[in-house]
Amino acid sequence: MSPFSLETALGALARVLREDWKQSVELATNIIYIFFCFSSFSQFHGLITHYKIGALCMNIIDHELKRHELWQEELSKKKKADILLQWHFTPLLLPVGLSFGWRGFCFVCRFLLFNDYGSSLTCLLDEDPENQTLRKDYEKTFKKYQGLVVKQEQLLRVALYLLLNLAEDTRTELKMRNKNIVHMLVKALDRDNFELLILVVSFLKKLSIFMENKNDMVEMDIVEKLVKMIPCEHEDLLNITLRLLLNLSFDTGLRNKMVQVGLLPKLTALLGMLFKN
């Protein structure tokens, strides 16, 4: 393929991505993956930058992170509705004429649940049509949420990988910082996907050598999020997380924060396991 043909093809892909990325996560993922492959070679960075793919990827990542927050809110509301209905007052459970406040009701329900009447109470709750409807609605929503998250994390991973490649140029990295790349990455630390987390922590490690980026991480309470990941069953994720913490530990305030949130006992335990092995 001639340089002219390649530029034309990438231009067409960039236009489709810019116009239709909200219509299909799969389409956006596949097009970004093509640009990611080219981003592995420094000589194509100028072409990718020309079509503003990096800026578009950051907009996509920001949008997807906000969508994830909305999904979680919707899921949380349905779960709360299901739980509240299970504790809803049922006259069948109480003697006729008995009246008392919410605390008294909760006490009786707990007594029934954890004693011989528990099975009867559970049956009553399970047989309630409204309760069954809410539970099915929650389970359906949760299943849909899981499927959406899998597709979304594939998109996030390829988009972040492309940005990481483009960040070889410090000027490009500065533009990313001005568009809040650190905030996006720290938000992504709440995910459970090991491959995505390794990429996110690696990106943060690269950014952490600059004071401005480190200050952004402080604002996002990054230490608390990283400490939760130690220990970790995934060795690569554990190693890169420790390296990021090492970079951050040169800041006095962050060192004190690490002590406050209980990092030292965890590191001691890791050293003990290392020497034992």
C-alpha atoms as a PDB file:
ATOM      1  CA  MET A   1       0.000   0.000   0.000  1.00  0.00           C
ATOM      2  CA  SER A   2       1.374   3.405  -0.979  1.00  0.00           C
ATOM      3  CA  PRO A   3       1.725   6.160   1.641  1.00  0.00           C
ATOM      4  CA  PHE A   4      -1.094   8.037  -0.079  1.00  0.00           C
ATOM      5  CA  SER A   5      -3.424   5.042   0.059  1.00  0.00           C
ATOM      6  CA  LEU A   6      -2.562   4.434   3.733  1.00  0.00           C
ATOM      7  CA  GLU A   7      -3.256   8.032   4.636  1.00  0.00           C
ATOM      8  CA  THR A   8      -6.575   7.891   2.787  1.00  0.00           C
ATOM      9  CA  ALA A   9      -7.591   4.684   4.562  1.00  0.00           C
ATOM     10  CA  LEU A  10      -6.659   5.999   7.995  1.00  0.00           C
ATOM     11  CA  GLY A  11      -8.475   9.255   7.245  1.00  0.00           C
ATOM     12  CA  ALA A  12     -11.633   7.335   6.383  1.00  0.00           C
ATOM     13  CA  LEU A  13     -11.346   5.243   9.570  1.00  0.00           C
ATOM     14  CA  ALA A  14     -10.805   8.365  11.644  1.00  0.00           C
ATOM     15  CA  ARG A  15     -13.938   9.937  10.173  1.00  0.00           C
ATOM     16  CA  VAL A  16     -16.056   6.850  10.881  1.00  0.00           C
ATOM     17  CA  LEU A  17     -14.732   6.675  14.443  1.00  0.00           C
ATOM     18  CA  ARG A  18     -15.405  10.351  15.056  1.00  0.00           C
ATOM     19  CA  GLU A  19     -18.966  10.149  13.736  1.00  0.00           C
ATOM     20  CA  ASP A  20     -20.138   6.714  14.894  1.00  0.00           C
ATOM     21  CA  TRP A  21     -18.210   5.687  18.029  1.00  0.00           C
ATOM     22  CA  LYS A  22     -21.245   6.220  20.254  1.00  0.00           C
ATOM     23  CA  GLN A  23     -23.346   3.909  18.090  1.00  0.00           C
ATOM     24  CA  SER A  24     -21.316   0.750  18.657  1.00  0.00           C
ATOM     25  CA  VAL A  25     -18.701  -0.221  21.230  1.00  0.00           C
ATOM     26  CA  GLU A  26     -17.490  -3.053  18.971  1.00  0.00           C
ATOM     27  CA  LEU A  27     -16.993  -0.675  16.025  1.00  0.00           C
ATOM     28  CA  ALA A  28     -15.086   1.817  18.175  1.00  0.00           C
ATOM     29  CA  THR A  29     -12.923  -0.957  19.662  1.00  0.00           C
ATOM     30  CA  ASN A  30     -11.979  -2.392  16.256  1.00  0.00           C
ATOM     31  CA  ILE A  31     -11.131   0.966  14.678  1.00  0.00           C
ATOM     32  CA  ILE A  32      -9.084   2.085  17.684  1.00  0.00           C
ATOM     33  CA  TYR A  33      -7.289  -1.271  17.605  1.00  0.00           C
ATOM     34  CA  ILE A  34      -6.181  -0.546  14.029  1.00  0.00           C
ATOM     35  CA  PHE A  35      -4.745   2.800  15.108  1.00  0.00           C
ATOM     36  CA  PHE A  36      -3.193   1.115  18.146  1.00  0.00           C
ATOM     37  CA  CYS A  37      -1.293  -1.275  15.853  1.00  0.00           C
ATOM     38  CA  PHE A  38       0.137   1.686  13.959  1.00  0.00           C
ATOM     39  CA  SER A  39       0.922   3.481  17.239  1.00  0.00           C
ATOM     40  CA  SER A  40       3.402   0.709  18.054  1.00  0.00           C
ATOM     41  CA  PHE A  41       5.699   2.343  15.465  1.00  0.00           C
ATOM     42  CA  SER A  42       6.952   5.850  16.215  1.00  0.00           C
ATOM     43  CA  GLN A  43       7.006   6.834  12.538  1.00  0.00           C
ATOM     44  CA  PHE A  44       3.205   6.698  12.445  1.00  0.00           C
ATOM     45  CA  HIS A  45       2.659   8.868  15.531  1.00  0.00           C
ATOM     46  CA  GLY A  46       2.575  12.034  13.451  1.00  0.00           C
ATOM     47  CA  LEU A  47      -0.151  10.619  11.225  1.00  0.00           C
ATOM     48  CA  ILE A  48      -2.218   9.471  14.200  1.00  0.00           C
ATOM     49  CA  THR A  49      -1.798  12.872  15.820  1.00  0.00           C
ATOM     50  CA  HIS A  50      -2.806  14.568  12.561  1.00  0.00           C
ATOM     51  CA  TYR A  51      -6.211  12.882  12.716  1.00  0.00           C
ATOM     52  CA  LYS A  52      -6.497  13.735  16.457  1.00  0.00           C
ATOM     53  CA  ILE A  53      -7.062  10.118  17.407  1.00  0.00           C
ATOM     54  CA  GLY A  54      -5.451  10.610  20.821  1.00  0.00           C
ATOM     55  CA  ALA A  55      -7.839  13.441  21.751  1.00  0.00           C
ATOM     56  CA  LEU A  56     -10.777  11.414  20.457  1.00  0.00           C
ATOM     57  CA  CYS A  57      -9.710   8.403  22.524  1.00  0.00           C
ATOM     58  CA  MET A  58      -9.592  10.538  25.649  1.00  0.00           C
ATOM     59  CA  ASN A  59     -13.133  11.761  24.968  1.00  0.00           C
ATOM     60  CA  ILE A  60     -14.259   8.162  24.481  1.00  0.00           C
ATOM     61  CA  ILE A  61     -12.576   7.009  27.702  1.00  0.00           C
ATOM     62  CA  ASP A  62     -14.121   9.864  29.687  1.00  0.00           C
ATOM     63  CA  HIS A  63     -17.552   9.061  28.257  1.00  0.00           C
ATOM     64  CA  GLU A  64     -17.244   5.352  29.029  1.00  0.00           C
ATOM     65  CA  LEU A  65     -16.135   5.973  32.609  1.00  0.00           C
ATOM     66  CA  LYS A  66     -19.187   8.162  33.168  1.00  0.00           C
ATOM     67  CA  ARG A  67     -21.417   5.504  31.598  1.00  0.00           C
ATOM     68  CA  HIS A  68     -19.986   2.957  34.000  1.00  0.00           C
ATOM     69  CA  GLU A  69     -20.882   5.174  36.948  1.00  0.00           C
ATOM     70  CA  LEU A  70     -24.469   5.430  35.677  1.00  0.00           C
ATOM     71  CA  TRP A  71     -24.678   1.640  35.266  1.00  0.00           C
ATOM     72  CA  GLN A  72     -23.489   1.151  38.824  1.00  0.00           C
ATOM     73  CA  GLU A  73     -26.022   3.664  40.149  1.00  0.00           C
ATOM     74  CA  GLU A  74     -28.866   1.918  38.323  1.00  0.00           C
ATOM     75  CA  LEU A  75     -27.717  -1.483  39.566  1.00  0.00           C
ATOM     76  CA  SER A  76     -27.405  -0.190  43.129  1.00  0.00           C
ATOM     77  CA  LYS A  77     -30.950   1.242  43.055  1.00  0.00           C
ATOM     78  CA  LYS A  78     -32.430  -2.058  41.880  1.00  0.00           C
ATOM     79  CA  LYS A  79     -30.488  -3.981  44.498  1.00  0.00           C
ATOM     80  CA  LYS A  80     -31.666  -1.647  47.273  1.00  0.00           C
ATOM     81  CA  ALA A  81     -35.255  -1.970  46.070  1.00  0.00           C
ATOM     82  CA  ASP A  82     -34.972  -5.762  46.229  1.00  0.00           C
ATOM     83  CA  ILE A  83     -33.484  -5.679  49.749  1.00  0.00           C
ATOM     84  CA  LEU A  84     -36.023  -3.170  51.060  1.00  0.00           C
ATOM     85  CA  LEU A  85     -38.924  -5.240  49.796  1.00  0.00           C
ATOM     86  CA  GLN A  86     -37.585  -8.273  51.603  1.00  0.00           C
ATOM     87  CA  TRP A  87     -37.856  -6.271  54.854  1.00  0.00           C
ATOM     88  CA  HIS A  88     -41.250  -4.839  53.938  1.00  0.00           C
ATOM     89  CA  PHE A  89     -43.908  -5.129  56.652  1.00  0.00           C
ATOM     90  CA  THR A  90     -46.077  -8.262  56.206  1.00  0.00           C
ATOM     91  CA  PRO A  91     -49.132  -8.487  58.518  1.00  0.00           C
ATOM     92  CA  LEU A  92     -49.045 -12.291  58.232  1.00  0.00           C
ATOM     93  CA  LEU A  93     -45.888 -12.376  60.305  1.00  0.00           C
ATOM     94  CA  LEU A  94     -47.286 -10.530  63.333  1.00  0.00           C
ATOM     95  CA  PRO A  95     -50.128 -11.104  65.793  1.00  0.00           C
ATOM     96  CA  VAL A  96     -53.305  -9.150  65.071  1.00  0.00           C
ATOM     97  CA  GLY A  97     -53.375  -5.736  66.711  1.00  0.00           C
ATOM     98  CA  LEU A  98     -49.613  -5.582  67.335  1.00  0.00           C
ATOM     99  CA  SER A  99     -48.218  -2.157  66.442  1.00  0.00           C
ATOM    100  CA  PHE A 100     -44.712  -0.758  66.886  1.00  0.00           C
ATOM    101  CA  GLY A 101     -42.048   1.230  65.093  1.00  0.00           C
ATOM    102  CA  TRP A 102     -39.553   0.310  62.397  1.00  0.00           C
ATOM    103  CA  ARG A 103     -36.876  -0.774  64.885  1.00  0.00           C
ATOM    104  CA  GLY A 104     -39.253  -3.202  66.515  1.00  0.00           C
ATOM    105  CA  PHE A 105     -40.247  -4.623  63.170  1.00  0.00           C
ATOM    106  CA  CYS A 106     -36.605  -5.168  62.160  1.00  0.00           C
ATOM    107  CA  PHE A 107     -35.933  -6.895  65.466  1.00  0.00           C
ATOM    108  CA  VAL A 108     -38.827  -9.337  64.948  1.00  0.00           C
ATOM    109  CA  CYS A 109     -37.774 -10.043  61.347  1.00  0.00           C
ATOM    110  CA  ARG A 110     -34.215 -10.791  62.428  1.00  0.00           C
ATOM    111  CA  PHE A 111     -35.521 -13.022  65.217  1.00  0.00           C
ATOM    112  CA  LEU A 112     -37.663 -14.966  62.763  1.00  0.00           C
ATOM    113  CA  LEU A 113     -34.878 -15.231  60.193  1.00  0.00           C
ATOM    114  CA  PHE A 114     -32.279 -16.578  62.623  1.00  0.00           C
ATOM    115  CA  ASN A 115     -34.573 -18.948  64.504  1.00  0.00           C
ATOM    116  CA  ASP A 116     -36.887 -21.814  63.629  1.00  0.00           C
ATOM    117  CA  TYR A 117     -39.304 -19.490  61.842  1.00  0.00           C
ATOM    118  CA  GLY A 118     -36.641 -18.435  59.321  1.00  0.00           C
ATOM    119  CA  SER A 119     -37.673 -20.929  56.666  1.00  0.00           C
ATOM    120  CA  SER A 120     -41.306 -19.850  56.896  1.00  0.00           C
ATOM    121  CA  LEU A 121     -40.375 -16.184  56.558  1.00  0.00           C
ATOM    122  CA  THR A 122     -38.122 -16.903  53.595  1.00  0.00           C
ATOM    123  CA  CYS A 123     -40.906 -18.824  51.858  1.00  0.00           C
ATOM    124  CA  LEU A 124     -43.319 -15.947  52.372  1.00  0.00           C
ATOM    125  CA  LEU A 125     -40.835 -13.500  50.897  1.00  0.00           C
ATOM    126  CA  ASP A 126     -39.969 -15.761  47.946  1.00  0.00           C
ATOM    127  CA  GLU A 127     -43.638 -16.385  47.134  1.00  0.00           C
ATOM    128  CA  ASP A 128     -44.494 -12.682  47.085  1.00  0.00           C
ATOM    129  CA  PRO A 129     -45.112 -11.737  43.394  1.00  0.00           C
ATOM    130  CA  GLU A 130     -43.735  -8.219  43.767  1.00  0.00           C
ATOM    131  CA  ASN A 131     -40.576  -9.528  45.401  1.00  0.00           C
ATOM    132  CA  GLN A 132     -40.075 -12.079  42.631  1.00  0.00           C
ATOM    133  CA  THR A 133     -40.509  -9.392  39.976  1.00  0.00           C
ATOM    134  CA  LEU A 134     -37.964  -7.090  41.613  1.00  0.00           C
ATOM    135  CA  ARG A 135     -35.484  -9.908  42.066  1.00  0.00           C
ATOM    136  CA  LYS A 136     -35.786 -10.997  38.429  1.00  0.00           C
ATOM    137  CA  ASP A 137     -35.418  -7.390  37.331  1.00  0.00           C
ATOM    138  CA  TYR A 138     -32.237  -7.038  39.397  1.00  0.00           C
ATOM    139  CA  GLU A 139     -30.780 -10.306  38.101  1.00  0.00           C
ATOM    140  CA  LYS A 140     -31.560  -9.302  34.502  1.00  0.00           C
ATOM    141  CA  THR A 141     -29.962  -5.886  35.019  1.00  0.00           C
ATOM    142  CA  PHE A 142     -26.885  -7.424  36.663  1.00  0.00           C
ATOM    143  CA  LYS A 143     -26.402  -9.897  33.805  1.00  0.00           C
ATOM    144  CA  LYS A 144     -26.717  -7.081  31.273  1.00  0.00           C
ATOM    145  CA  TYR A 145     -24.270  -4.983  33.310  1.00  0.00           C
ATOM    146  CA  GLN A 146     -21.672  -7.774  33.282  1.00  0.00           C
ATOM    147  CA  GLY A 147     -21.882  -8.070  29.491  1.00  0.00           C
ATOM    148  CA  LEU A 148     -21.572  -4.318  29.003  1.00  0.00           C
ATOM    149  CA  VAL A 149     -18.555  -4.122  31.326  1.00  0.00           C
ATOM    150  CA  VAL A 150     -16.692  -6.841  29.390  1.00  0.00           C
ATOM    151  CA  LYS A 151     -17.120  -4.964  26.102  1.00  0.00           C
ATOM    152  CA  GLN A 152     -16.346  -1.620  27.703  1.00  0.00           C
ATOM    153  CA  GLU A 153     -13.117  -2.851  29.276  1.00  0.00           C
ATOM    154  CA  GLN A 154     -11.908  -4.134  25.899  1.00  0.00           C
ATOM    155  CA  LEU A 155     -12.475  -0.649  24.509  1.00  0.00           C
ATOM    156  CA  LEU A 156     -10.779   1.045  27.463  1.00  0.00           C
ATOM    157  CA  ARG A 157      -7.789  -1.243  27.254  1.00  0.00           C
ATOM    158  CA  VAL A 158      -7.051  -0.677  23.568  1.00  0.00           C
ATOM    159  CA  ALA A 159      -7.689   3.085  23.842  1.00  0.00           C
ATOM    160  CA  LEU A 160      -5.385   3.455  26.857  1.00  0.00           C
ATOM    161  CA  TYR A 161      -2.707   1.343  25.203  1.00  0.00           C
ATOM    162  CA  LEU A 162      -2.776   3.636  22.174  1.00  0.00           C
ATOM    163  CA  LEU A 163      -2.431   6.684  24.442  1.00  0.00           C
ATOM    164  CA  LEU A 164       0.448   5.059  26.306  1.00  0.00           C
ATOM    165  CA  ASN A 165       2.298   4.558  23.009  1.00  0.00           C
ATOM    166  CA  LEU A 166       1.670   8.158  21.957  1.00  0.00           C
ATOM    167  CA  ALA A 167       2.883   9.373  25.371  1.00  0.00           C
ATOM    168  CA  GLU A 168       6.453   8.566  24.298  1.00  0.00           C
ATOM    169  CA  ASP A 169       6.501  12.196  23.190  1.00  0.00           C
ATOM    170  CA  THR A 170       6.564  14.357  26.326  1.00  0.00           C
ATOM    171  CA  ARG A 171       4.690  17.138  24.504  1.00  0.00           C
ATOM    172  CA  THR A 172       1.859  14.729  23.734  1.00  0.00           C
ATOM    173  CA  GLU A 173       1.946  13.505  27.333  1.00  0.00           C
ATOM    174  CA  LEU A 174       1.547  17.102  28.539  1.00  0.00           C
ATOM    175  CA  LYS A 175      -1.533  17.527  26.338  1.00  0.00           C
ATOM    176  CA  MET A 176      -2.985  14.375  27.904  1.00  0.00           C
ATOM    177  CA  ARG A 177      -2.296  15.718  31.357  1.00  0.00           C
ATOM    178  CA  ASN A 178      -4.149  18.923  30.481  1.00  0.00           C
ATOM    179  CA  LYS A 179      -7.135  16.771  29.487  1.00  0.00           C
ATOM    180  CA  ASN A 180      -7.156  15.028  32.907  1.00  0.00           C
ATOM    181  CA  ILE A 181      -5.621  11.704  31.892  1.00  0.00           C
ATOM    182  CA  VAL A 182      -4.498  11.116  35.507  1.00  0.00           C
ATOM    183  CA  HIS A 183      -8.042  11.457  36.849  1.00  0.00           C
ATOM    184  CA  MET A 184      -9.315   8.982  34.256  1.00  0.00           C
ATOM    185  CA  LEU A 185      -6.612   6.465  35.078  1.00  0.00           C
ATOM    186  CA  VAL A 186      -7.158   6.669  38.832  1.00  0.00           C
ATOM    187  CA  LYS A 187     -10.900   6.154  38.300  1.00  0.00           C
ATOM    188  CA  ALA A 188     -10.106   3.024  36.288  1.00  0.00           C
ATOM    189  CA  LEU A 189      -8.291   1.545  39.308  1.00  0.00           C
ATOM    190  CA  ASP A 190     -11.703   0.524  40.674  1.00  0.00           C
ATOM    191  CA  ARG A 191     -12.003  -2.151  37.966  1.00  0.00           C
ATOM    192  CA  ASP A 192     -11.440  -5.881  38.502  1.00  0.00           C
ATOM    193  CA  ASN A 193      -9.911  -6.776  35.128  1.00  0.00           C
ATOM    194  CA  PHE A 194      -6.256  -7.685  35.761  1.00  0.00           C
ATOM    195  CA  GLU A 195      -5.085  -6.911  32.212  1.00  0.00           C
ATOM    196  CA  LEU A 196      -6.713  -3.493  32.281  1.00  0.00           C
ATOM    197  CA  LEU A 197      -5.332  -2.761  35.755  1.00  0.00           C
ATOM    198  CA  ILE A 198      -1.775  -3.673  34.716  1.00  0.00           C
ATOM    199  CA  LEU A 199      -2.032  -1.217  31.827  1.00  0.00           C
ATOM    200  CA  VAL A 200      -3.544   1.526  34.008  1.00  0.00           C
ATOM    201  CA  VAL A 201      -0.925   1.167  36.759  1.00  0.00           C
ATOM    202  CA  SER A 202       1.886   1.055  34.163  1.00  0.00           C
ATOM    203  CA  PHE A 203       0.592   4.295  32.642  1.00  0.00           C
ATOM    204  CA  LEU A 204       0.362   5.923  36.087  1.00  0.00           C
ATOM    205  CA  LYS A 205       3.902   4.787  36.879  1.00  0.00           C
ATOM    206  CA  LYS A 206       5.163   6.493  33.728  1.00  0.00           C
ATOM    207  CA  LEU A 207       3.304   9.693  34.588  1.00  0.00           C
ATOM    208  CA  SER A 208       4.307   9.692  38.260  1.00  0.00           C
ATOM    209  CA  ILE A 209       7.851  10.914  37.587  1.00  0.00           C
ATOM    210  CA  PHE A 210       6.510  14.414  36.933  1.00  0.00           C
ATOM    211  CA  MET A 211       5.434  16.517  39.902  1.00  0.00           C
ATOM    212  CA  GLU A 212       2.286  17.876  38.226  1.00  0.00           C
ATOM    213  CA  ASN A 213       1.026  14.368  37.547  1.00  0.00           C
ATOM    214  CA  LYS A 214       1.927  13.262  41.057  1.00  0.00           C
ATOM    215  CA  ASN A 215      -0.077  16.163  42.489  1.00  0.00           C
ATOM    216  CA  ASP A 216      -3.074  15.110  40.401  1.00  0.00           C
ATOM    217  CA  MET A 217      -2.737  11.598  41.847  1.00  0.00           C
ATOM    218  CA  VAL A 218      -2.725  13.032  45.369  1.00  0.00           C
ATOM    219  CA  GLU A 219      -6.021  14.819  44.659  1.00  0.00           C
ATOM    220  CA  MET A 220      -7.570  11.497  43.617  1.00  0.00           C
ATOM    221  CA  ASP A 221      -6.448   9.651  46.793  1.00  0.00           C
ATOM    222  CA  ILE A 222      -4.427   7.202  44.744  1.00  0.00           C
ATOM    223  CA  VAL A 223      -2.598   5.676  47.723  1.00  0.00           C
ATOM    224  CA  GLU A 224      -5.821   4.296  49.224  1.00  0.00           C
ATOM    225  CA  LYS A 225      -6.723   2.662  45.909  1.00  0.00           C
ATOM    226  CA  LEU A 226      -3.265   1.141  45.423  1.00  0.00           C
ATOM    227  CA  VAL A 227      -2.999  -0.223  48.959  1.00  0.00           C
ATOM    228  CA  LYS A 228      -6.220  -2.188  48.400  1.00  0.00           C
ATOM    229  CA  MET A 229      -4.433  -4.042  45.598  1.00  0.00           C
ATOM    230  CA  ILE A 230      -1.739  -5.371  47.945  1.00  0.00           C
ATOM    231  CA  PRO A 231      -1.360  -8.279  48.294  1.00  0.00           C
ATOM    232  CA  CYS A 232      -2.517  -9.454  44.875  1.00  0.00           C
ATOM    233  CA  GLU A 233      -2.684 -12.932  43.379  1.00  0.00           C
ATOM    234  CA  HIS A 234      -1.564 -11.571  40.018  1.00  0.00           C
ATOM    235  CA  GLU A 235       2.225 -11.271  40.205  1.00  0.00           C
ATOM    236  CA  ASP A 236       2.644  -8.794  37.322  1.00  0.00           C
ATOM    237  CA  LEU A 237       0.022  -6.460  38.772  1.00  0.00           C
ATOM    238  CA  LEU A 238       1.603  -6.694  42.217  1.00  0.00           C
ATOM    239  CA  ASN A 239       5.074  -5.847  40.850  1.00  0.00           C
ATOM    240  CA  ILE A 240       3.980  -2.820  38.840  1.00  0.00           C
ATOM    241  CA  THR A 241       1.851  -1.550  41.750  1.00  0.00           C
ATOM    242  CA  LEU A 242       4.837  -1.728  44.095  1.00  0.00           C
ATOM    243  CA  ARG A 243       6.961   0.141  41.551  1.00  0.00           C
ATOM    244  CA  LEU A 244       4.363   2.909  41.337  1.00  0.00           C
ATOM    245  CA  LEU A 245       4.239   3.131  45.127  1.00  0.00           C
ATOM    246  CA  LEU A 246       8.028   3.369  45.146  1.00  0.00           C
ATOM    247  CA  ASN A 247       7.877   6.381  42.823  1.00  0.00           C
ATOM    248  CA  LEU A 248       5.215   8.016  44.973  1.00  0.00           C
ATOM    249  CA  SER A 249       7.101   7.313  48.208  1.00  0.00           C
ATOM    250  CA  PHE A 250       9.652  10.045  47.414  1.00  0.00           C
ATOM    251  CA  ASP A 251       6.936  12.522  48.414  1.00  0.00           C
ATOM    252  CA  THR A 252       6.885  13.035  52.198  1.00  0.00           C
ATOM    253  CA  GLY A 253       3.131  13.509  52.377  1.00  0.00           C
ATOM    254  CA  LEU A 254       2.463  10.361  50.386  1.00  0.00           C
ATOM    255  CA  ARG A 255       4.902   8.380  52.554  1.00  0.00           C
ATOM    256  CA  ASN A 256       2.955   9.418  55.639  1.00  0.00           C
ATOM    257  CA  LYS A 257      -0.273   8.500  53.875  1.00  0.00           C
ATOM    258  CA  MET A 258       1.067   5.027  53.097  1.00  0.00           C
ATOM    259  CA  VAL A 259       1.804   4.500  56.783  1.00  0.00           C
ATOM    260  CA  GLN A 260      -1.646   5.766  57.801  1.00  0.00           C
ATOM    261  CA  VAL A 261      -3.537   3.400  55.487  1.00  0.00           C
ATOM    262  CA  GLY A 262      -1.603   0.338  56.676  1.00  0.00           C
ATOM    263  CA  LEU A 263       0.849  -0.337  53.859  1.00  0.00           C
ATOM    264  CA  LEU A 264       3.791  -1.255  56.118  1.00  0.00           C
ATOM    265  CA  PRO A 265       2.244  -4.427  57.622  1.00  0.00           C
ATOM    266  CA  LYS A 266       1.331  -5.576  54.124  1.00  0.00           C
ATOM    267  CA  LEU A 267       4.881  -5.012  52.868  1.00  0.00           C
ATOM    268  CA  THR A 268       6.275  -6.831  55.899  1.00  0.00           C
ATOM    269  CA  ALA A 269       4.000  -9.794  55.185  1.00  0.00           C
ATOM    270  CA  LEU A 270       5.123  -9.830  51.529  1.00  0.00           C
ATOM    271  CA  LEU A 271       8.783  -9.826  52.587  1.00  0.00           C
ATOM    272  CA  GLY A 272       8.076 -12.663  55.002  1.00  0.00           C
ATOM    273  CA  MET A 273       6.510 -14.727  52.229  1.00  0.00           C
ATOM    274  CA  LEU A 274       9.423 -13.919  49.915  1.00  0.00           C
ATOM    275  CA  PHE A 275      12.069 -15.089  52.387  1.00  0.00           C
ATOM    276  CA  LYS A 276      10.011 -18.122  53.283  1.00  0.00           C
ATOM    277  CA  ASN A 277       9.840 -19.215  49.649  1.00  0.00           C
END
